[in-house]
Amino acid sequence: MNTETPIHRNRESMFIEFSDHIQRTFFKLQKRPLYLLAIIILGLPISFVAGFVYLYKKRKDPYQSFSIQIKNKLLDEGHMERLHSKYKKQIERKAAFFNQDYTPAEINKLAKQWAEEQFQKDVDDKANDELITYKKRKITYKDTFLSLISNPRLILYTILPGILMYIFLWICSNPYLKFIMERLLMSIFVIFGVTFLVFTILYFLKWKNCR
């Protein structure tokens, strides 16, 4: 027998709709670093909780285990040595063609740096391929943070400590309010900048007249 009342169902649907709205807004804003930073700062208590949850989940991150396995496999196959030899020959040919004076130590150092960067890129690419093959996702801080603020069951617990963040997300979800907020913030920075500049000029002029 279903004991849920219409009020409970309406409340649950309201939370689900609110969480979907928050999730869509967060996805739009996370592409802009300043907005993402503002969300994390305004929701600082939630950010700390998300950090602890992320560190806990990261220990079981499939991406980490895939990376370690692939890295060991490539090292055993001599992939790093092949990359180092390849880049060393490239640098030597480049130095000979442009008549550049490189010492053997400098060539080795540069070849090692390029080889390590390419090796890590190859490991990352293969680990991502493994994630796609096994239909798993890499655990990131942004996903962990989003799961906390957009989970309908957790909204009641996060709404109070993250009230400023939720207000910011609500404003940003409305293009007109977002435009007004951006212009107000820009005006504040302009006013402070002009005030600082004027007082600085007046101070140096006064100091110069006193001399």
Protein backbone atom coordinates (compact mmCIF):
# COMPACT_ATOMS: atom_id res chain seq x y z
CA MET A 1 0.00 0.00 0.00
CA ASN A 2 1.40 3.40 -1.00
CA THR A 3 1.47 5.67 2.06
CA GLU A 4 2.76 8.74 0.22
CA THR A 5 0.42 11.73 0.32
CA PRO A 6 -0.02 14.18 -2.58
CA ILE A 7 1.94 16.76 -0.55
CA HIS A 8 4.92 14.39 -0.27
CA ARG A 9 4.79 13.62 -3.97
CA ASN A 10 4.60 17.29 -4.87
CA ARG A 11 7.51 18.08 -2.58
CA GLU A 12 9.59 15.29 -4.08
CA SER A 13 8.81 16.39 -7.64
CA MET A 14 9.68 19.98 -6.66
CA PHE A 15 13.09 18.87 -5.33
CA ILE A 16 13.75 16.81 -8.47
CA GLU A 17 12.84 19.75 -10.71
CA PHE A 18 15.02 22.09 -8.64
CA SER A 19 17.99 19.68 -8.76
CA ASP A 20 17.66 19.32 -12.55
CA HIS A 21 17.61 23.11 -12.87
CA ILE A 22 20.74 23.41 -10.69
CA GLN A 23 22.48 20.71 -12.70
CA ARG A 24 21.78 22.40 -16.05
CA THR A 25 22.96 25.77 -14.74
CA PHE A 26 26.14 24.25 -13.27
CA PHE A 27 26.99 22.54 -16.57
CA LYS A 28 26.77 25.89 -18.35
CA LEU A 29 28.84 27.79 -15.79
CA GLN A 30 31.59 25.21 -15.23
CA LYS A 31 33.06 26.01 -18.64
CA ARG A 32 33.99 29.48 -17.35
CA PRO A 33 36.74 29.31 -14.67
CA LEU A 34 35.69 32.51 -12.87
CA TYR A 35 32.11 31.34 -12.48
CA LEU A 36 33.25 27.92 -11.31
CA LEU A 37 35.54 29.55 -8.75
CA ALA A 38 32.67 31.77 -7.56
CA ILE A 39 30.42 28.71 -7.09
CA ILE A 40 33.07 26.89 -5.05
CA ILE A 41 33.81 29.95 -2.87
CA LEU A 42 30.15 30.83 -2.26
CA GLY A 43 29.42 27.21 -1.39
CA LEU A 44 32.58 26.79 0.72
CA PRO A 45 31.09 24.42 3.35
CA ILE A 46 29.80 22.17 0.57
CA SER A 47 33.15 22.48 -1.22
CA PHE A 48 34.96 21.09 1.84
CA VAL A 49 32.54 18.17 2.09
CA ALA A 50 32.88 17.54 -1.65
CA GLY A 51 36.67 17.52 -1.24
CA PHE A 52 36.57 14.82 1.44
CA VAL A 53 34.07 12.75 -0.58
CA TYR A 54 36.23 13.14 -3.69
CA LEU A 55 39.39 12.00 -1.88
CA TYR A 56 37.53 8.97 -0.51
CA LYS A 57 36.10 8.01 -3.90
CA LYS A 58 39.40 8.64 -5.68
CA ARG A 59 40.95 5.65 -3.91
CA LYS A 60 38.51 3.46 -5.86
CA ASP A 61 38.77 5.43 -9.08
CA PRO A 62 38.98 2.97 -12.02
CA TYR A 63 41.02 5.53 -13.95
CA GLN A 64 43.83 5.31 -11.40
CA SER A 65 44.00 1.50 -11.56
CA PHE A 66 43.89 1.55 -15.38
CA SER A 67 46.66 4.18 -15.47
CA ILE A 68 48.94 2.16 -13.19
CA GLN A 69 48.40 -1.03 -15.18
CA ILE A 70 48.97 0.65 -18.53
CA LYS A 71 52.02 2.56 -17.27
CA ASN A 72 53.68 -0.63 -16.00
CA LYS A 73 52.84 -2.43 -19.24
CA LEU A 74 54.33 0.32 -21.42
CA LEU A 75 57.44 0.49 -19.25
CA ASP A 76 57.91 -3.26 -19.57
CA GLU A 77 57.54 -2.98 -23.35
CA GLY A 78 60.26 -0.32 -23.48
CA HIS A 79 57.95 2.44 -24.71
CA MET A 80 59.77 5.12 -22.70
CA GLU A 81 63.15 4.12 -24.15
CA ARG A 82 61.77 4.20 -27.70
CA LEU A 83 60.32 7.66 -27.16
CA HIS A 84 63.59 8.92 -25.66
CA SER A 85 65.58 7.55 -28.60
CA LYS A 86 63.11 9.02 -31.09
CA TYR A 87 63.17 12.51 -29.61
CA LYS A 88 66.93 12.41 -29.15
CA LYS A 89 67.41 11.79 -32.87
CA GLN A 90 64.92 14.55 -33.70
CA ILE A 91 66.77 17.07 -31.54
CA GLU A 92 70.14 16.06 -33.00
CA ARG A 93 68.83 16.45 -36.57
CA LYS A 94 67.27 19.81 -35.71
CA ALA A 95 70.50 21.01 -34.08
CA ALA A 96 72.53 19.94 -37.13
CA PHE A 97 70.11 21.54 -39.59
CA PHE A 98 69.95 24.91 -37.79
CA ASN A 99 73.60 24.74 -36.74
CA GLN A 100 72.67 24.90 -33.03
CA ASP A 101 75.24 24.08 -30.40
CA TYR A 102 73.75 21.55 -27.96
CA THR A 103 75.81 19.55 -25.49
CA PRO A 104 75.01 15.82 -25.12
CA ALA A 105 73.67 16.50 -21.62
CA GLU A 106 71.28 19.18 -22.93
CA ILE A 107 70.07 16.88 -25.71
CA ASN A 108 69.47 14.06 -23.24
CA LYS A 109 67.63 16.36 -20.83
CA LEU A 110 65.34 17.78 -23.53
CA ALA A 111 64.71 14.34 -25.06
CA LYS A 112 63.85 12.95 -21.62
CA GLN A 113 61.41 15.80 -20.95
CA TRP A 114 59.63 15.31 -24.28
CA ALA A 115 59.58 11.54 -23.81
CA GLU A 116 58.03 11.82 -20.34
CA GLU A 117 55.34 14.22 -21.58
CA GLN A 118 54.45 11.98 -24.53
CA PHE A 119 54.56 8.86 -22.34
CA GLN A 120 52.08 10.37 -19.88
CA LYS A 121 49.83 11.44 -22.75
CA ASP A 122 49.86 7.90 -24.14
CA VAL A 123 49.00 6.50 -20.69
CA ASP A 124 46.12 8.96 -20.31
CA ASP A 125 44.75 8.18 -23.77
CA LYS A 126 44.86 4.42 -23.21
CA ALA A 127 43.31 4.76 -19.72
CA ASN A 128 40.45 6.81 -21.19
CA ASP A 129 39.95 4.14 -23.85
CA GLU A 130 39.70 1.52 -21.09
CA LEU A 131 37.10 3.61 -19.28
CA ILE A 132 35.01 3.77 -22.46
CA THR A 133 35.42 0.04 -23.05
CA TYR A 134 34.23 -0.89 -19.56
CA LYS A 135 31.62 1.93 -19.50
CA LYS A 136 33.09 3.64 -16.46
CA ARG A 137 33.81 7.27 -15.66
CA LYS A 138 36.78 9.06 -14.19
CA ILE A 139 36.04 10.45 -10.74
CA THR A 140 36.58 14.21 -10.72
CA TYR A 141 36.06 16.92 -8.12
CA LYS A 142 33.54 18.75 -10.31
CA ASP A 143 31.37 15.64 -10.69
CA THR A 144 31.53 14.99 -6.94
CA PHE A 145 30.60 18.60 -6.17
CA LEU A 146 27.72 18.48 -8.66
CA SER A 147 26.40 15.23 -7.20
CA LEU A 148 26.11 16.91 -3.79
CA ILE A 149 24.33 20.07 -4.89
CA SER A 150 21.99 18.41 -7.42
CA ASN A 151 20.94 15.33 -5.45
CA PRO A 152 17.25 15.79 -4.48
CA ARG A 153 17.79 13.86 -1.25
CA LEU A 154 20.66 16.10 -0.16
CA ILE A 155 19.23 19.49 -1.11
CA LEU A 156 17.60 19.95 2.30
CA TYR A 157 20.99 19.43 3.98
CA THR A 158 22.94 21.66 1.59
CA ILE A 159 20.49 24.52 1.09
CA LEU A 160 21.41 26.32 4.33
CA PRO A 161 25.25 26.14 4.17
CA GLY A 162 25.15 26.77 0.43
CA ILE A 163 22.43 29.43 0.33
CA LEU A 164 24.73 32.04 -1.30
CA MET A 165 25.80 29.53 -3.95
CA TYR A 166 22.20 28.55 -4.74
CA ILE A 167 21.21 32.22 -5.03
CA PHE A 168 24.16 32.77 -7.40
CA LEU A 169 23.12 29.75 -9.52
CA TRP A 170 19.53 30.98 -9.60
CA ILE A 171 20.63 34.43 -10.77
CA CYS A 172 22.89 32.93 -13.43
CA SER A 173 20.08 30.71 -14.69
CA ASN A 174 18.19 33.84 -15.75
CA PRO A 175 19.93 35.66 -18.65
CA TYR A 176 18.54 39.06 -17.66
CA LEU A 177 19.50 38.76 -14.00
CA LYS A 178 22.89 37.43 -15.01
CA PHE A 179 23.45 40.41 -17.31
CA ILE A 180 22.49 42.85 -14.55
CA MET A 181 24.76 41.08 -12.02
CA GLU A 182 27.74 41.16 -14.41
CA ARG A 183 27.25 44.87 -15.12
CA LEU A 184 26.94 45.69 -11.41
CA LEU A 185 30.14 43.79 -10.62
CA MET A 186 31.96 45.51 -13.47
CA SER A 187 30.70 48.90 -12.21
CA ILE A 188 32.03 48.17 -8.72
CA PHE A 189 35.48 47.31 -10.10
CA VAL A 190 35.46 50.40 -12.31
CA ILE A 191 34.47 52.67 -9.38
CA PHE A 192 37.20 51.22 -7.15
CA GLY A 193 39.75 51.44 -9.96
CA VAL A 194 38.95 55.05 -10.79
CA THR A 195 38.88 56.03 -7.10
CA PHE A 196 42.27 54.40 -6.50
CA LEU A 197 43.75 56.06 -9.59
CA VAL A 198 42.42 59.53 -8.71
CA PHE A 199 43.60 59.39 -5.09
CA THR A 200 47.00 58.09 -6.22
CA ILE A 201 47.41 60.97 -8.68
CA LEU A 202 46.27 63.54 -6.08
CA TYR A 203 48.65 62.10 -3.50
CA PHE A 204 51.69 62.34 -5.79
CA LEU A 205 50.70 65.82 -6.97
CA LYS A 206 50.39 66.99 -3.37
CA TRP A 207 53.74 65.39 -2.47
CA LYS A 208 55.38 67.06 -5.49
CA ASN A 209 53.97 70.51 -4.57
CA CYS A 210 55.23 70.14 -1.01
CA ARG A 211 58.75 69.67 -2.36
